[in-house]
Amino acid sequence: MRKHAGGFVFIVLVLLASVVLAVLAPVAPARASYIQGTTAAGGTTNQNIRTIGATFVNGGAALTGSTTSCTVVYFAGTIQQVDLIADQSGSATVDVQTVAFGSYTGPGSAASITAADTPALSSAVKFSDSTLTGWTTGVTANSVFCFVLSSPTTVTYVEAVLKVAAN
């Protein structure tokens, strides 16, 4: 009986390539912005609820530094609530900034809408605020929303979500 080592060599090469990619991969946190929701004529109020959000993740390693994630919003409405969730107890601040699409020249062109009430985790796994003291809660159609993560500790995943009642 003849033994064939080809399969073994292939597996070793695949594992070696995975290790090389993991070492060479960028260390900047991954981020994604999104918009979710539906509306329906004659539907219930909840069918007019949409979300605008961003997810910050660092591939299992603790988030560090500051990073920004922006998304275009095509609908108008009113922000009703902000929520932060994390994968484990820790701290992080997520400022919410916005700018008209026509004036957008990069994340630096957006201005905070949170006043002195910036959403923050403080040795916690979740945060929720529906009072939004001092916030500019109006959402203008065709605007850019930027989420700015800063001062994360311990957490490897943070998601920021705005609950919006669409017009």
Protein backbone atom coordinates (compact mmCIF):
# COMPACT_ATOMS: atom_id res chain seq x y z
CA MET A 1 0.00 0.00 0.00
CA ARG A 2 1.40 3.38 -1.01
CA LYS A 3 0.91 6.39 1.28
CA HIS A 4 0.17 9.76 -0.28
CA ALA A 5 1.35 12.85 1.64
CA GLY A 6 -0.18 15.40 -0.75
CA GLY A 7 -3.23 16.05 1.44
CA PHE A 8 -1.04 16.57 4.49
CA VAL A 9 1.22 19.03 2.64
CA PHE A 10 -1.85 20.99 1.43
CA ILE A 11 -3.21 21.27 4.97
CA VAL A 12 0.15 22.47 6.29
CA LEU A 13 0.36 25.10 3.53
CA VAL A 14 -3.17 26.35 4.26
CA LEU A 15 -2.39 26.60 7.99
CA LEU A 16 0.88 28.40 7.25
CA ALA A 17 -0.91 30.87 4.93
CA SER A 18 -3.52 31.53 7.66
CA VAL A 19 -0.80 32.31 10.19
CA VAL A 20 0.98 34.67 7.76
CA LEU A 21 -2.29 36.50 6.98
CA ALA A 22 -3.10 36.83 10.68
CA VAL A 23 0.32 38.34 11.38
CA LEU A 24 0.20 40.73 8.42
CA ALA A 25 -3.45 41.77 8.90
CA PRO A 26 -4.04 45.42 9.81
CA VAL A 27 -4.54 46.10 13.50
CA ALA A 28 -7.02 48.95 13.07
CA PRO A 29 -10.48 48.15 14.42
CA ALA A 30 -13.00 47.02 11.85
CA ARG A 31 -16.12 49.14 11.67
CA ALA A 32 -19.37 49.14 9.82
CA SER A 33 -22.22 51.61 9.70
CA TYR A 34 -25.75 50.62 8.81
CA ILE A 35 -29.36 51.69 8.52
CA GLN A 36 -32.25 49.33 9.20
CA GLY A 37 -36.03 49.60 9.25
CA THR A 38 -39.19 49.51 7.24
CA THR A 39 -42.25 51.64 6.77
CA ALA A 40 -45.65 50.62 5.55
CA ALA A 41 -48.65 52.73 4.64
CA GLY A 42 -51.40 52.27 7.18
CA GLY A 43 -49.09 50.20 9.42
CA THR A 44 -48.42 50.52 13.10
CA THR A 45 -46.15 53.15 14.64
CA ASN A 46 -43.40 50.56 15.12
CA GLN A 47 -43.21 50.07 11.37
CA ASN A 48 -41.91 53.63 11.10
CA ILE A 49 -39.00 52.93 13.46
CA ARG A 50 -35.59 52.78 11.81
CA THR A 51 -32.12 52.44 13.23
CA ILE A 52 -28.86 54.13 12.34
CA GLY A 53 -25.76 52.60 13.84
CA ALA A 54 -22.15 51.58 13.79
CA THR A 55 -20.27 48.53 14.96
CA PHE A 56 -16.66 48.67 16.13
CA VAL A 57 -14.81 45.36 16.44
CA ASN A 58 -11.15 44.42 16.68
CA GLY A 59 -11.08 40.70 15.85
CA GLY A 60 -11.12 39.50 19.45
CA ALA A 61 -8.53 41.97 20.74
CA ALA A 62 -9.39 44.91 22.97
CA LEU A 63 -10.36 48.08 21.11
CA THR A 64 -7.87 50.91 21.50
CA GLY A 65 -7.55 54.52 20.43
CA SER A 66 -10.16 56.41 18.49
CA THR A 67 -11.92 55.55 15.24
CA THR A 68 -14.82 56.93 13.20
CA SER A 69 -17.48 55.23 11.08
CA CYS A 70 -19.88 57.21 8.87
CA THR A 71 -23.03 56.34 6.89
CA VAL A 72 -25.47 58.20 4.63
CA VAL A 73 -29.05 58.56 5.89
CA TYR A 74 -31.74 58.98 3.21
CA PHE A 75 -34.79 59.52 5.41
CA ALA A 76 -35.98 62.25 7.80
CA GLY A 77 -37.18 61.63 11.34
CA THR A 78 -36.63 62.13 15.04
CA ILE A 79 -34.08 60.31 17.21
CA GLN A 80 -35.89 58.72 20.15
CA GLN A 81 -33.16 56.73 21.85
CA VAL A 82 -29.49 55.78 21.78
CA ASP A 83 -28.13 52.40 22.88
CA LEU A 84 -24.60 51.06 23.27
CA ILE A 85 -23.81 47.38 23.73
CA ALA A 86 -20.48 45.65 24.19
CA ASP A 87 -19.21 42.09 24.35
CA GLN A 88 -18.06 42.44 27.95
CA SER A 89 -18.02 44.95 30.77
CA GLY A 90 -15.76 47.88 29.97
CA SER A 91 -15.71 51.52 29.04
CA ALA A 92 -16.09 53.45 25.78
CA THR A 93 -17.52 56.72 24.52
CA VAL A 94 -19.33 57.06 21.18
CA ASP A 95 -20.05 60.59 19.98
CA VAL A 96 -22.72 61.01 17.29
CA GLN A 97 -22.01 63.61 14.64
CA THR A 98 -23.83 64.71 11.51
CA VAL A 99 -23.44 66.91 8.44
CA ALA A 100 -25.46 67.51 5.27
CA PHE A 101 -24.37 65.19 2.46
CA GLY A 102 -23.56 68.17 0.21
CA SER A 103 -21.23 69.62 2.87
CA TYR A 104 -19.47 66.36 3.73
CA THR A 105 -15.71 66.54 3.12
CA GLY A 106 -14.77 63.71 5.49
CA PRO A 107 -15.49 62.83 9.12
CA GLY A 108 -13.96 66.11 10.29
CA SER A 109 -16.78 68.06 8.62
CA ALA A 110 -19.43 66.54 10.91
CA ALA A 111 -20.48 68.22 14.18
CA SER A 112 -21.66 66.56 17.39
CA ILE A 113 -25.40 66.38 18.05
CA THR A 114 -25.03 65.05 21.62
CA ALA A 115 -24.19 68.30 23.48
CA ALA A 116 -22.73 67.33 26.87
CA ASP A 117 -24.71 64.06 26.93
CA THR A 118 -22.33 61.84 24.92
CA PRO A 119 -23.24 58.14 25.14
CA ALA A 120 -20.73 56.20 27.22
CA LEU A 121 -20.19 52.79 28.75
CA SER A 122 -18.63 53.06 32.20
CA SER A 123 -17.59 49.65 33.50
CA ALA A 124 -20.73 48.30 31.86
CA VAL A 125 -21.86 46.06 29.01
CA LYS A 126 -24.81 48.25 27.92
CA PHE A 127 -26.05 51.85 27.96
CA SER A 128 -29.42 53.31 26.99
CA ASP A 129 -30.73 56.89 26.96
CA SER A 130 -34.16 57.99 25.76
CA THR A 131 -34.06 61.42 27.42
CA LEU A 132 -31.33 62.76 25.09
CA THR A 133 -30.84 65.97 27.09
CA GLY A 134 -29.45 68.73 24.87
CA TRP A 135 -29.32 66.53 21.76
CA THR A 136 -30.27 67.75 18.33
CA THR A 137 -32.79 64.98 17.63
CA GLY A 138 -33.97 65.96 14.17
CA VAL A 139 -32.74 63.75 11.33
CA THR A 140 -32.56 65.47 7.96
CA ALA A 141 -32.86 63.35 4.82
CA ASN A 142 -29.63 63.06 2.82
CA SER A 143 -27.29 63.64 5.73
CA VAL A 144 -24.19 61.80 6.91
CA PHE A 145 -24.04 60.36 10.42
CA CYS A 146 -20.63 59.66 11.94
CA PHE A 147 -20.04 57.61 15.07
CA VAL A 148 -16.78 58.42 16.86
CA LEU A 149 -15.47 55.75 19.24
CA SER A 150 -13.01 56.98 21.85
CA SER A 151 -11.38 55.80 25.08
CA PRO A 152 -12.33 52.11 24.86
CA THR A 153 -11.04 49.83 27.61
CA THR A 154 -11.46 46.06 27.94
CA VAL A 155 -14.16 45.78 25.24
CA THR A 156 -13.44 44.07 21.91
CA TYR A 157 -16.83 44.93 20.38
CA VAL A 158 -19.03 48.03 20.71
CA GLU A 159 -22.23 48.74 18.81
CA ALA A 160 -23.97 52.13 18.85
CA VAL A 161 -27.59 52.31 17.69
CA LEU A 162 -29.94 55.27 17.24
CA LYS A 163 -33.67 54.52 17.31
CA VAL A 164 -35.35 56.91 14.87
CA ALA A 165 -39.05 57.55 14.22
CA ALA A 166 -39.06 58.14 10.45
CA ASN A 167 -41.31 60.84 9.00
